[in-house]
């Protein structure tokens, strides 16, 4: 809602809507600003820049409140307040003290996906899981609370969602056997209001056996416990380290859960519910309204944490309020967001082969479940055997990098990975605070291809690609769509790109100092529209450069899969702000 803010100072803005990484609580990443449009975007120039002083992956985006821009960094999660009236003069900085040992238990780089603002407070959940509320005027800590325990592998890389006087937060840690939860804290005091786990007993996961539904039917008693062997659920993963959406009419919060622990499927028989699932919860109580598991008994590390985008679509002739989700597993899902009914589930990359399709006929057995191609199911071969050519790779056809939606075109704009993998599971023992992975893998493009990414436009109502732009490397930057008919995204090589929302035609490009894994944003100040993006290569795809790794197997195969990236960019940490030439 950056465009809706009145830029007249913090006192006025304190009454405005929350300011979020996803632009709005529906996660559309759409801006109604029109000053920069398809006809003049080629006239963009750099207005000013700012160095963050950190050389790891810079995910997320700055946010603007009044005349101040707030910029975050990867670990140690420094926050800067920059004066927009003076080209980013530093007004204050918040420098949290965190144990550097946290870095060792962060899965895939020391990234962070940014701040949120609501009701006169900035909210930041640090890498060590400490949730803080900051005073936007001076950066002083108003309250803080510890949400998890890094000693058990629990960390955080995600932003938060402020909603109805609460702050919704999650955790990372599935690769360490953490049993993760989503928690609501009071915005004013930090008091815990409710907490819901993804796996375990009904009282822990806040499921009502009679009123919580899956594909229209009550889940019944012990819906999670029945799908785990013994007490494996106690170290079962199901973390929520992605994005959150909110529908105020239904009063529901939506989010996805991650992989079950361990990556070796032979050690956890059953569907492993409710890892790899979309969950809709009542914002006031945390009680689940409905749930849908996308990848039962995951054998590929296809976390389901990617964003849920809330729109209205005409499906089979009927206008419906829906949720669209681009999953790591390579399928784009459209569900009725009131009931969780599955409406569309189709591949959004042609190379996806682990499943032939998703069963979409409610009358057939297996409704809602993937129809596996067992040639690409590691459990079929067994432990210490390698299954080759699985598509997508573990980093998914899309990872955390958020898509955008334009109500003008009715299309979703999706940054994607075009990568496959070879996967070898092995027996692993759980030790608190130690990696609990149980698989090795290598990443590579699909056979016959050389590019490892694409930026696509997707028709969510029909489940089809409208246009696609191949990229040499995975597109790890979040997209931004605007009412000016422009869509922005960044590349791992470090290029900010602007394309026509209708057909993907190139309109503008600019090479920043480092690879872009951040999310493009836009705002207005003093009557001018600006575009801003963080560059600083990293994240899972860029972990080799970010962490100085050279073994091709490191980073769960990402170092080898993206070895050529070092010829195009280097580490950095910079904010670049653009506006139109006069």
Protein backbone atom coordinates (compact mmCIF):
# COMPACT_ATOMS: atom_id res chain seq x y z
CA UNK A 1 0.00 0.00 0.00
CA UNK A 2 2.96 2.33 -0.50
CA UNK A 3 1.08 4.44 -3.01
CA UNK A 4 -1.82 5.01 -0.64
CA UNK A 5 0.30 6.67 2.03
CA UNK A 6 0.16 10.40 2.60
CA UNK A 7 3.79 11.49 2.73
CA UNK A 8 3.35 14.20 5.32
CA UNK A 9 5.25 12.75 8.25
CA UNK A 10 5.11 9.85 10.66
CA UNK A 11 2.24 11.19 12.76
CA UNK A 12 -0.10 11.05 9.76
CA UNK A 13 1.17 7.72 8.49
CA UNK A 14 0.55 6.09 11.87
CA UNK A 15 -3.15 5.99 10.92
CA UNK A 16 -2.55 4.47 7.49
CA UNK A 17 -2.69 0.85 6.33
CA UNK A 18 0.21 -1.49 7.15
CA UNK A 19 3.25 -1.24 4.90
CA UNK A 20 4.26 -4.72 3.75
CA UNK A 21 6.90 -6.41 1.65
CA UNK A 22 4.16 -7.80 -0.58
CA UNK A 23 2.57 -4.34 -1.13
CA UNK A 24 -0.76 -5.50 0.34
CA UNK A 25 -2.14 -8.27 2.53
CA UNK A 26 -3.39 -10.05 -0.60
CA UNK A 27 0.27 -10.49 -1.68
CA UNK A 28 -0.36 -9.07 -5.15
CA UNK A 29 2.86 -7.01 -5.33
CA UNK A 30 0.86 -4.62 -7.54
CA UNK A 31 1.30 -0.85 -7.40
CA UNK A 32 -1.41 1.53 -8.67
CA UNK A 33 1.24 4.15 -9.50
CA UNK A 34 1.25 5.27 -13.16
CA UNK A 35 3.86 8.02 -13.48
CA UNK A 36 6.35 5.45 -14.75
CA UNK A 37 4.71 3.56 -17.59
CA UNK A 38 5.47 1.38 -20.59
CA UNK A 39 5.97 4.46 -22.74
CA UNK A 40 8.57 6.23 -20.59
CA UNK A 41 10.23 3.56 -18.44
CA UNK A 42 13.19 3.59 -20.83
CA UNK A 43 14.01 7.05 -19.43
CA UNK A 44 14.77 5.71 -15.93
CA UNK A 45 17.97 7.01 -14.35
CA UNK A 46 19.70 6.32 -11.05
CA UNK A 47 18.56 8.89 -8.49
CA UNK A 48 20.76 7.78 -5.58
CA UNK A 49 22.37 4.70 -4.03
CA UNK A 50 23.15 3.39 -0.58
CA UNK A 51 25.64 0.76 0.60
CA UNK A 52 24.36 -1.59 3.29
CA UNK A 53 27.84 -2.64 4.42
CA UNK A 54 26.96 -6.35 4.31
CA UNK A 55 28.13 -8.87 1.69
CA UNK A 56 25.53 -11.67 1.79
CA UNK A 57 22.24 -12.32 0.00
CA UNK A 58 19.94 -9.29 0.08
CA UNK A 59 16.40 -10.64 -0.21
CA UNK A 60 13.30 -8.56 0.52
CA UNK A 61 12.90 -4.84 -0.18
CA UNK A 62 13.02 -1.46 1.57
CA UNK A 63 9.74 -0.01 2.82
CA UNK A 64 8.67 3.64 2.85
CA UNK A 65 6.70 5.33 5.61
CA UNK A 66 6.16 9.05 5.22
CA UNK A 67 9.40 10.71 4.20
CA UNK A 68 11.56 7.88 5.55
CA UNK A 69 12.80 4.70 3.87
CA UNK A 70 13.66 1.74 6.10
CA UNK A 71 16.31 -0.65 4.77
CA UNK A 72 17.25 -4.00 6.29
CA UNK A 73 20.31 -6.20 5.78
CA UNK A 74 21.08 -9.91 5.95
CA UNK A 75 22.59 -11.14 9.24
CA UNK A 76 23.18 -9.28 11.55
CA UNK A 77 19.86 -7.71 10.45
CA UNK A 78 20.86 -4.07 10.73
CA UNK A 79 18.05 -1.59 10.05
CA UNK A 80 18.68 1.87 8.56
CA UNK A 81 16.26 4.81 8.48
CA UNK A 82 17.04 6.95 5.44
CA UNK A 83 15.81 10.51 4.81
CA UNK A 84 14.19 10.64 1.37
CA UNK A 85 14.46 14.42 1.31
CA UNK A 86 18.26 14.19 1.42
CA UNK A 87 19.10 11.29 -0.92
CA UNK A 88 19.19 8.66 1.78
CA UNK A 89 20.89 10.48 4.66
CA UNK A 90 21.05 8.11 7.64
CA UNK A 91 18.64 9.21 10.37
CA UNK A 92 19.31 6.25 12.67
CA UNK A 93 20.46 2.64 12.62
CA UNK A 94 19.43 -0.36 14.68
CA UNK A 95 22.27 -2.88 15.10
CA UNK A 96 21.09 -5.96 17.01
CA UNK A 97 23.60 -8.08 18.87
CA UNK A 98 23.19 -11.69 17.79
CA UNK A 99 25.37 -14.71 18.46
CA UNK A 100 27.30 -15.31 15.23
CA UNK A 101 26.80 -19.03 15.88
CA UNK A 102 23.32 -18.53 14.45
CA UNK A 103 24.90 -18.37 10.99
CA UNK A 104 25.96 -22.01 11.23
CA UNK A 105 22.35 -23.18 11.59
CA UNK A 106 20.84 -21.00 8.87
CA UNK A 107 19.95 -23.28 5.99
CA UNK A 108 20.53 -21.37 2.77
CA UNK A 109 22.47 -18.16 3.31
CA UNK A 110 22.00 -15.47 5.95
CA UNK A 111 19.19 -13.76 4.05
CA UNK A 112 16.26 -11.82 5.49
CA UNK A 113 13.04 -10.82 3.71
CA UNK A 114 12.42 -7.53 5.33
CA UNK A 115 10.50 -5.28 7.66
CA UNK A 116 6.81 -4.54 8.10
CA UNK A 117 5.11 -1.45 9.53
CA UNK A 118 1.77 -1.03 11.29
CA UNK A 119 0.21 1.28 13.88
CA UNK A 120 3.33 3.33 14.54
CA UNK A 121 5.72 0.39 14.87
CA UNK A 122 8.32 -1.32 12.71
CA UNK A 123 8.47 -5.10 13.09
CA UNK A 124 11.55 -7.25 12.55
CA UNK A 125 12.06 -10.93 13.36
CA UNK A 126 15.81 -11.41 13.53
CA UNK A 127 17.81 -14.44 12.45
CA UNK A 128 17.98 -15.71 16.05
CA UNK A 129 14.13 -15.61 16.10
CA UNK A 130 13.95 -12.52 18.34
CA UNK A 131 10.90 -10.49 17.32
CA UNK A 132 11.32 -6.76 17.95
CA UNK A 133 9.04 -3.76 17.64
CA UNK A 134 10.99 -0.58 16.82
CA UNK A 135 10.00 3.05 17.14
CA UNK A 136 10.08 4.40 13.56
CA UNK A 137 11.18 7.82 14.81
CA UNK A 138 14.43 6.77 16.46
CA UNK A 139 14.87 3.00 16.17
CA UNK A 140 14.49 2.31 19.88
CA UNK A 141 13.21 -1.12 20.86
CA UNK A 142 9.64 -0.88 22.15
CA UNK A 143 9.49 -4.58 23.05
CA UNK A 144 11.15 -7.85 22.10
CA UNK A 145 10.37 -11.54 22.50
CA UNK A 146 12.25 -14.73 21.60
CA UNK A 147 10.16 -16.88 19.24
CA UNK A 148 12.41 -19.94 18.94
CA UNK A 149 15.68 -21.61 19.94
CA UNK A 150 18.67 -21.57 17.55
CA UNK A 151 20.23 -24.28 19.72
CA UNK A 152 17.60 -26.62 18.26
CA UNK A 153 18.14 -25.34 14.72
CA UNK A 154 15.28 -22.83 14.86
CA UNK A 155 16.09 -19.61 12.99
CA UNK A 156 14.27 -17.03 10.90
CA UNK A 157 14.66 -15.52 7.44
CA UNK A 158 11.08 -14.36 6.84
CA UNK A 159 9.17 -11.12 7.15
CA UNK A 160 6.10 -10.86 9.39
CA UNK A 161 2.43 -10.02 8.84
CA UNK A 162 0.80 -7.38 11.07
CA UNK A 163 -2.97 -7.88 11.08
CA UNK A 164 -5.80 -6.85 13.44
CA UNK A 165 -3.48 -5.75 16.23
CA UNK A 166 -1.38 -8.91 15.96
CA UNK A 167 1.96 -9.82 14.39
CA UNK A 168 2.03 -13.22 12.65
CA UNK A 169 5.47 -14.85 12.62
CA UNK A 170 6.97 -18.23 11.73
CA UNK A 171 10.27 -20.13 11.86
CA UNK A 172 12.90 -21.89 9.77
CA UNK A 173 14.57 -25.14 10.80
CA UNK A 174 13.18 -28.12 8.91
CA UNK A 175 16.71 -29.16 7.94
CA UNK A 176 17.51 -29.48 11.67
CA UNK A 177 14.47 -31.50 12.70
CA UNK A 178 12.68 -28.52 14.24
CA UNK A 179 8.93 -28.92 14.70
CA UNK A 180 7.89 -25.46 13.66
CA UNK A 181 4.97 -23.22 14.50
CA UNK A 182 3.21 -20.02 13.50
CA UNK A 183 2.57 -17.57 16.35
CA UNK A 184 0.48 -14.43 16.80
CA UNK A 185 1.83 -11.74 19.14
CA UNK A 186 0.12 -8.58 20.34
CA UNK A 187 1.44 -5.62 18.35
CA UNK A 188 1.41 -3.27 21.32
CA UNK A 189 3.01 -5.49 23.97
CA UNK A 190 4.56 -8.59 22.40
CA UNK A 191 2.30 -10.87 24.44
CA UNK A 192 1.67 -14.24 22.80
CA UNK A 193 -1.96 -14.66 21.68
CA UNK A 194 -1.93 -18.05 19.94
CA UNK A 195 0.53 -20.60 18.57
CA UNK A 196 -0.14 -23.33 16.01
CA UNK A 197 2.21 -26.12 14.95
CA UNK A 198 1.99 -27.77 11.53
CA UNK A 199 2.36 -31.34 12.74
CA UNK A 200 1.30 -33.14 15.90
CA UNK A 201 -1.80 -33.49 18.11
CA UNK A 202 -4.95 -31.54 17.31
CA UNK A 203 -4.50 -29.24 20.32
CA UNK A 204 -1.00 -28.32 19.10
CA UNK A 205 -1.93 -27.74 15.46
CA UNK A 206 -5.20 -25.96 16.39
CA UNK A 207 -7.35 -28.23 14.22
CA UNK A 208 -10.99 -28.90 15.05
CA UNK A 209 -11.73 -32.45 13.83
CA UNK A 210 -15.29 -31.46 12.84
CA UNK A 211 -14.94 -27.94 11.43
CA UNK A 212 -11.43 -27.96 9.94
CA UNK A 213 -11.71 -29.36 6.42
CA UNK A 214 -9.46 -30.76 3.71
CA UNK A 215 -10.92 -30.58 0.20
CA UNK A 216 -14.37 -30.03 1.67
CA UNK A 217 -14.41 -32.86 4.20
CA UNK A 218 -13.75 -32.70 7.97
CA UNK A 219 -10.20 -33.80 8.72
CA UNK A 220 -11.29 -35.94 11.67
CA UNK A 221 -9.43 -36.65 14.88
CA UNK A 222 -5.60 -36.86 14.89
CA UNK A 223 -5.39 -35.96 11.21
CA UNK A 224 -1.66 -35.28 11.52
CA UNK A 225 -0.64 -37.99 14.01
CA UNK A 226 -2.20 -40.74 11.89
CA UNK A 227 0.17 -39.93 9.03
CA UNK A 228 3.43 -40.29 10.98
CA UNK A 229 5.14 -43.39 12.34
CA UNK A 230 5.65 -43.39 16.09
CA UNK A 231 6.96 -40.11 17.47
CA UNK A 232 8.65 -39.02 14.24
CA UNK A 233 6.28 -36.03 14.22
CA UNK A 234 8.15 -34.51 17.18
CA UNK A 235 11.03 -33.69 14.83
CA UNK A 236 8.82 -33.39 11.77
CA UNK A 237 9.58 -29.97 10.26
CA UNK A 238 6.60 -28.27 8.63
CA UNK A 239 8.14 -24.82 9.06
CA UNK A 240 6.58 -21.54 7.90
CA UNK A 241 9.50 -19.47 6.62
CA UNK A 242 7.73 -17.91 3.66
CA UNK A 243 4.95 -15.36 3.23
CA UNK A 244 1.54 -14.72 4.79
CA UNK A 245 -1.69 -13.38 3.26
CA UNK A 246 -4.89 -12.11 4.89
CA UNK A 247 -8.51 -11.86 3.77
CA UNK A 248 -10.34 -9.33 6.00
CA UNK A 249 -13.80 -10.46 4.85
CA UNK A 250 -13.17 -14.07 5.84
CA UNK A 251 -10.77 -13.09 8.66
CA UNK A 252 -8.39 -15.80 7.47
CA UNK A 253 -4.59 -15.86 7.42
CA UNK A 254 -3.04 -18.06 4.71
CA UNK A 255 0.45 -19.53 4.58
CA UNK A 256 2.36 -22.62 3.47
CA UNK A 257 4.42 -25.16 5.40
CA UNK A 258 7.80 -26.62 4.52
CA UNK A 259 9.31 -30.05 4.04
CA UNK A 260 8.92 -32.81 6.59
CA UNK A 261 12.12 -33.83 8.35
CA UNK A 262 14.24 -35.71 7.24
CA UNK A 263 14.81 -35.50 3.47
CA UNK A 264 15.13 -39.31 3.50
CA UNK A 265 11.52 -40.45 2.94
CA UNK A 266 12.22 -44.02 4.11
CA UNK A 267 12.64 -42.74 7.67
CA UNK A 268 9.14 -41.21 7.87
CA UNK A 269 6.46 -43.49 6.32
CA UNK A 270 3.04 -41.95 5.69
CA UNK A 271 1.71 -38.70 4.24
CA UNK A 272 3.47 -36.64 6.96
CA UNK A 273 0.57 -34.20 7.36
CA UNK A 274 0.54 -31.27 7.58
CA UNK A 275 3.96 -30.54 6.13
CA UNK A 276 3.91 -29.30 2.52
CA UNK A 277 0.45 -27.79 3.01
CA UNK A 278 -1.54 -24.59 2.61
CA UNK A 279 -3.29 -23.68 5.86
CA UNK A 280 -6.07 -21.11 6.34
CA UNK A 281 -6.44 -19.99 9.97
CA UNK A 282 -8.78 -17.67 11.84
CA UNK A 283 -6.73 -14.55 12.59
CA UNK A 284 -8.22 -14.14 16.07
CA UNK A 285 -7.97 -17.70 17.39
CA UNK A 286 -5.51 -19.49 15.11
CA UNK A 287 -8.02 -22.33 14.58
CA UNK A 288 -7.60 -23.82 11.10
CA UNK A 289 -10.56 -23.36 8.77
CA UNK A 290 -9.14 -25.57 6.01
CA UNK A 291 -5.96 -27.26 4.87
CA UNK A 292 -4.65 -28.68 1.60
CA UNK A 293 -1.52 -30.83 1.34
CA UNK A 294 0.21 -30.39 -2.01
CA UNK A 295 2.99 -32.97 -1.77
CA UNK A 296 2.06 -35.82 0.60
CA UNK A 297 5.09 -37.83 1.82
CA UNK A 298 7.51 -35.44 0.16
CA UNK A 299 10.53 -37.19 -1.38
CA UNK A 300 12.13 -34.14 -3.03
CA UNK A 301 12.30 -31.24 -0.48
CA UNK A 302 9.45 -29.34 -2.16
CA UNK A 303 8.70 -26.85 0.63
CA UNK A 304 5.22 -25.35 0.28
CA UNK A 305 6.03 -21.93 1.79
CA UNK A 306 5.72 -19.76 -1.32
CA UNK A 307 3.25 -16.89 -1.19
CA UNK A 308 -0.53 -17.15 -1.50
CA UNK A 309 -1.93 -14.45 -3.84
CA UNK A 310 -5.56 -13.49 -3.21
CA UNK A 311 -7.59 -12.34 -6.23
CA UNK A 312 -10.96 -12.76 -7.91
CA UNK A 313 -10.98 -14.94 -11.02
CA UNK A 314 -13.60 -16.32 -13.36
CA UNK A 315 -13.25 -20.10 -13.13
CA UNK A 316 -15.38 -22.20 -15.50
CA UNK A 317 -17.78 -19.30 -15.97
CA UNK A 318 -18.15 -18.42 -12.27
CA UNK A 319 -16.53 -15.43 -10.56
CA UNK A 320 -14.79 -16.66 -7.40
CA UNK A 321 -12.58 -15.33 -4.62
CA UNK A 322 -9.49 -17.47 -5.00
CA UNK A 323 -5.99 -18.12 -3.76
CA UNK A 324 -3.19 -18.75 -6.27
CA UNK A 325 0.03 -20.45 -5.21
CA UNK A 326 3.11 -21.32 -7.27
CA UNK A 327 4.62 -24.26 -5.44
CA UNK A 328 8.18 -25.47 -5.35
CA UNK A 329 6.88 -28.75 -6.81
CA UNK A 330 6.27 -27.02 -10.17
CA UNK A 331 2.46 -26.82 -10.11
CA UNK A 332 0.50 -23.59 -10.06
CA UNK A 333 -2.56 -24.03 -7.83
CA UNK A 334 -5.78 -22.04 -7.72
CA UNK A 335 -8.11 -22.76 -4.80
CA UNK A 336 -11.34 -21.28 -3.49
CA UNK A 337 -10.01 -19.33 -0.54
CA UNK A 338 -13.18 -19.68 1.55
CA UNK A 339 -13.44 -23.47 1.31
CA UNK A 340 -10.06 -24.74 0.10
CA UNK A 341 -11.66 -26.41 -2.92
CA UNK A 342 -9.08 -27.20 -5.61
CA UNK A 343 -9.95 -25.45 -8.88
CA UNK A 344 -6.77 -25.49 -10.99
CA UNK A 345 -3.43 -27.31 -10.69
CA UNK A 346 -1.11 -27.27 -13.71
CA UNK A 347 2.62 -27.30 -14.39
CA UNK A 348 4.19 -23.85 -14.78
CA UNK A 349 7.43 -25.19 -16.24
CA UNK A 350 7.36 -27.77 -19.05
CA UNK A 351 10.23 -29.79 -17.58
CA UNK A 352 8.33 -30.85 -14.41
CA UNK A 353 8.32 -34.66 -14.35
CA UNK A 354 8.13 -35.97 -10.76
CA UNK A 355 4.33 -36.06 -11.12
CA UNK A 356 2.33 -36.53 -14.28
CA UNK A 357 -0.52 -34.37 -13.03
CA UNK A 358 -2.63 -33.45 -10.02
CA UNK A 359 -5.95 -35.31 -9.80
CA UNK A 360 -8.55 -32.52 -10.15
CA UNK A 361 -11.76 -34.55 -10.41
CA UNK A 362 -13.53 -34.55 -6.99
CA UNK A 363 -15.31 -37.77 -7.93
CA UNK A 364 -12.12 -39.77 -8.47
CA UNK A 365 -9.95 -41.51 -5.87
CA UNK A 366 -6.90 -39.45 -5.03
CA UNK A 367 -8.65 -36.11 -5.60
CA UNK A 368 -6.14 -33.33 -4.97
CA UNK A 369 -3.13 -35.66 -4.88
CA UNK A 370 -0.23 -35.81 -7.34
CA UNK A 371 -0.12 -38.72 -9.77
CA UNK A 372 3.53 -39.73 -9.40
CA UNK A 373 5.92 -40.80 -12.09
CA UNK A 374 7.73 -43.44 -10.05
CA UNK A 375 10.82 -43.21 -12.26
CA UNK A 376 11.54 -39.97 -10.41
CA UNK A 377 10.58 -41.05 -6.87
CA UNK A 378 13.74 -41.62 -4.78
CA UNK A 379 11.97 -44.00 -2.40
CA UNK A 380 11.44 -46.44 -5.28
CA UNK A 381 15.19 -46.95 -5.62
CA UNK A 382 15.88 -46.92 -1.89
CA UNK A 383 18.55 -45.52 0.38
CA UNK A 384 22.04 -44.81 -0.92
CA UNK A 385 20.81 -45.11 -4.50
CA UNK A 386 20.71 -42.12 -6.83
CA UNK A 387 17.62 -41.13 -8.79
CA UNK A 388 18.62 -38.97 -11.75
CA UNK A 389 16.86 -36.35 -13.83
CA UNK A 390 14.19 -35.30 -11.30
CA UNK A 391 12.54 -32.03 -12.33
CA UNK A 392 12.35 -29.63 -10.64
CA UNK A 393 15.37 -29.74 -8.35
CA UNK A 394 15.00 -29.27 -4.62
CA UNK A 395 15.09 -25.49 -4.92
CA UNK A 396 11.84 -25.81 -6.83
CA UNK A 397 10.40 -24.41 -10.03
CA UNK A 398 9.90 -21.37 -7.85
CA UNK A 399 11.39 -20.65 -4.47
CA UNK A 400 10.60 -17.83 -2.02
CA UNK A 401 10.95 -15.06 -4.64
CA UNK A 402 7.39 -13.61 -4.77
CA UNK A 403 5.30 -13.39 -7.92
CA UNK A 404 3.09 -10.39 -8.79
CA UNK A 405 -0.46 -10.02 -10.09
CA UNK A 406 -1.89 -7.25 -12.26
CA UNK A 407 -5.65 -6.67 -12.16
CA UNK A 408 -5.19 -4.73 -15.39
CA UNK A 409 -4.06 -7.77 -17.40
CA UNK A 410 -5.43 -10.48 -15.11
CA UNK A 411 -2.03 -12.21 -15.29
CA UNK A 412 0.46 -13.42 -12.69
CA UNK A 413 4.15 -12.66 -13.25
CA UNK A 414 6.33 -15.42 -11.91
CA UNK A 415 10.12 -15.64 -11.41
CA UNK A 416 11.12 -19.26 -11.92
CA UNK A 417 13.95 -21.79 -11.76
CA UNK A 418 14.51 -24.21 -14.64
CA UNK A 419 16.59 -26.79 -12.78
CA UNK A 420 16.55 -30.55 -12.22
CA UNK A 421 18.47 -32.77 -9.82
CA UNK A 422 19.99 -36.13 -9.02
CA UNK A 423 18.97 -37.25 -5.51
CA UNK A 424 20.46 -39.82 -3.12
CA UNK A 425 18.76 -40.37 0.27
CA UNK A 426 20.63 -41.91 3.18
CA UNK A 427 19.98 -42.88 6.81
CA UNK A 428 20.53 -40.03 9.30
CA UNK A 429 20.29 -39.78 13.09
CA UNK A 430 18.63 -36.87 14.85
CA UNK A 431 20.85 -34.79 17.15
CA UNK A 432 19.39 -31.49 18.44
CA UNK A 433 20.99 -28.51 16.73
CA UNK A 434 22.75 -30.63 14.09
CA UNK A 435 21.76 -30.99 10.41
CA UNK A 436 19.05 -33.59 9.92
CA UNK A 437 18.97 -33.74 6.14
CA UNK A 438 19.58 -37.30 5.02
CA UNK A 439 20.17 -36.73 1.30
CA UNK A 440 22.76 -35.46 -1.13
CA UNK A 441 21.91 -33.96 -4.48
CA UNK A 442 23.31 -32.26 -7.53
CA UNK A 443 21.53 -29.56 -9.54
CA UNK A 444 21.60 -29.15 -13.31
CA UNK A 445 19.44 -27.82 -16.17
CA UNK A 446 16.99 -30.17 -17.88
CA UNK A 447 18.59 -32.39 -20.52
CA UNK A 448 19.31 -30.41 -23.67
CA UNK A 449 18.83 -26.99 -22.05
CA UNK A 450 21.44 -24.45 -21.01
CA UNK A 451 19.30 -21.79 -19.29
CA UNK A 452 18.38 -22.32 -15.62
CA UNK A 453 15.59 -19.79 -15.22
CA UNK A 454 12.67 -17.97 -16.83
CA UNK A 455 10.28 -15.13 -16.12
CA UNK A 456 6.73 -16.05 -17.10
CA UNK A 457 3.22 -14.63 -17.33
CA UNK A 458 0.61 -17.09 -16.03
CA UNK A 459 -3.13 -17.34 -16.56
CA UNK A 460 -4.30 -18.59 -13.15
CA UNK A 461 -7.88 -19.26 -14.20
CA UNK A 462 -6.85 -21.62 -17.01
CA UNK A 463 -3.54 -22.83 -15.66
CA UNK A 464 -1.34 -21.97 -18.63
CA UNK A 465 1.75 -19.97 -19.53
CA UNK A 466 0.88 -16.89 -21.61
CA UNK A 467 4.46 -15.86 -22.36
CA UNK A 468 7.89 -16.86 -21.11
CA UNK A 469 11.30 -15.15 -21.13
CA UNK A 470 14.20 -17.60 -20.62
CA UNK A 471 17.07 -16.36 -18.44
CA UNK A 472 20.61 -17.77 -18.21
CA UNK A 473 20.23 -18.19 -14.44
CA UNK A 474 17.31 -18.73 -12.08
CA UNK A 475 15.25 -15.60 -11.47
CA UNK A 476 15.63 -15.21 -7.70
CA UNK A 477 14.20 -11.69 -7.52
CA UNK A 478 10.62 -10.88 -6.62
CA UNK A 479 8.41 -9.36 -9.32
CA UNK A 480 6.55 -6.03 -9.25
CA UNK A 481 3.58 -5.17 -11.47
CA UNK A 482 2.33 -1.60 -11.86
CA UNK A 483 -0.74 0.18 -13.24
CA UNK A 484 1.63 1.80 -15.72
CA UNK A 485 1.70 -1.49 -17.64
CA UNK A 486 5.24 -2.33 -16.53
CA UNK A 487 6.54 -5.42 -14.74
CA UNK A 488 9.93 -5.27 -13.00
CA UNK A 489 12.26 -8.05 -11.89
CA UNK A 490 15.98 -8.59 -11.30
CA UNK A 491 18.45 -11.26 -12.37
CA UNK A 492 21.18 -13.20 -10.60
CA UNK A 493 23.71 -11.44 -12.81
CA UNK A 494 22.52 -8.14 -11.26
CA UNK A 495 20.33 -6.62 -13.99
CA UNK A 496 17.13 -4.78 -13.15
CA UNK A 497 14.67 -5.39 -15.99
CA UNK A 498 11.40 -3.74 -16.98
CA UNK A 499 9.09 -5.55 -19.41
CA UNK A 500 5.70 -4.87 -20.95
CA UNK A 501 2.96 -6.48 -18.84
CA UNK A 502 1.02 -7.54 -21.94
CA UNK A 503 3.64 -9.41 -23.93
CA UNK A 504 6.92 -9.42 -21.98
CA UNK A 505 8.65 -7.09 -24.45
CA UNK A 506 11.89 -5.64 -23.03
CA UNK A 507 11.53 -1.98 -22.08
CA UNK A 508 14.52 -1.17 -19.85
CA UNK A 509 17.53 -2.74 -18.16
CA UNK A 510 20.25 -1.55 -15.80
CA UNK A 511 23.21 -3.50 -14.42
CA UNK A 512 23.58 -3.08 -10.66
CA UNK A 513 26.82 -3.88 -8.79
CA UNK A 514 25.80 -7.35 -7.61
CA UNK A 515 23.28 -10.11 -8.29
CA UNK A 516 19.67 -9.23 -7.49
CA UNK A 517 17.83 -11.58 -5.15
CA UNK A 518 15.78 -8.75 -3.63
CA UNK A 519 12.26 -7.69 -4.56
CA UNK A 520 11.67 -4.61 -6.70
CA UNK A 521 9.45 -1.97 -5.09
CA UNK A 522 8.08 1.47 -6.01
CA UNK A 523 6.89 4.54 -4.11
CA UNK A 524 6.23 8.26 -4.53
CA UNK A 525 7.93 11.14 -2.77
CA UNK A 526 7.52 14.87 -3.41
CA UNK A 527 5.40 14.21 -6.47
CA UNK A 528 7.79 11.77 -8.17
CA UNK A 529 7.59 8.02 -8.57
CA UNK A 530 10.67 6.00 -7.71
CA UNK A 531 11.70 2.37 -8.21
CA UNK A 532 14.07 0.75 -5.71
CA UNK A 533 15.85 -2.60 -5.47
CA UNK A 534 18.45 -4.22 -3.24
CA UNK A 535 21.31 -6.02 -4.94
CA UNK A 536 23.65 -8.44 -3.22
CA UNK A 537 24.00 -11.94 -4.62
CA UNK A 538 23.08 -14.82 -2.34
CA UNK A 539 20.19 -17.00 -1.30
CA UNK A 540 20.21 -20.70 -2.12
CA UNK A 541 21.03 -20.15 -5.80
CA UNK A 542 23.82 -17.66 -5.03
CA UNK A 543 25.18 -19.27 -1.87
CA UNK A 544 28.47 -20.19 -3.55
CA UNK A 545 29.39 -16.58 -4.20
CA UNK A 546 27.81 -15.25 -1.01
CA UNK A 547 29.62 -17.66 1.31
CA UNK A 548 32.78 -18.25 -0.74
CA UNK A 549 32.04 -21.95 -1.29
CA UNK A 550 33.85 -23.92 -4.00
CA UNK A 551 32.89 -27.60 -3.54
CA UNK A 552 30.24 -28.31 -6.22
CA UNK A 553 28.25 -30.39 -3.71
CA UNK A 554 27.98 -27.55 -1.19
CA UNK A 555 24.77 -25.62 -0.80
CA UNK A 556 22.82 -28.82 -1.56
CA UNK A 557 24.29 -28.81 -5.04
CA UNK A 558 23.79 -25.11 -5.74
CA UNK A 559 27.53 -24.33 -5.86
CA UNK A 560 28.01 -26.67 -8.80
CA UNK A 561 24.69 -25.83 -10.42
CA UNK A 562 25.46 -22.12 -10.54
CA UNK A 563 29.25 -22.23 -10.91
CA UNK A 564 29.17 -20.01 -14.03
CA UNK A 565 27.54 -17.18 -12.07
CA UNK A 566 30.96 -16.06 -10.80
CA UNK A 567 31.75 -14.87 -14.34
CA UNK A 568 28.92 -12.33 -14.23
CA UNK A 569 28.76 -10.84 -10.74
CA UNK A 570 30.36 -10.64 -7.31
CA UNK A 571 29.25 -10.07 -3.74
CA UNK A 572 27.82 -6.73 -2.71
CA UNK A 573 25.17 -4.97 -0.71
CA UNK A 574 23.61 -1.94 -2.34
CA UNK A 575 20.29 -0.17 -2.63
CA UNK A 576 19.72 1.46 -6.02
CA UNK A 577 16.91 4.00 -6.45
CA UNK A 578 15.63 5.06 -9.89
CA UNK A 579 13.36 7.79 -11.22
CA UNK A 580 12.54 9.32 -14.62
CA UNK A 581 14.87 11.79 -16.26
CA UNK A 582 13.45 15.31 -16.34
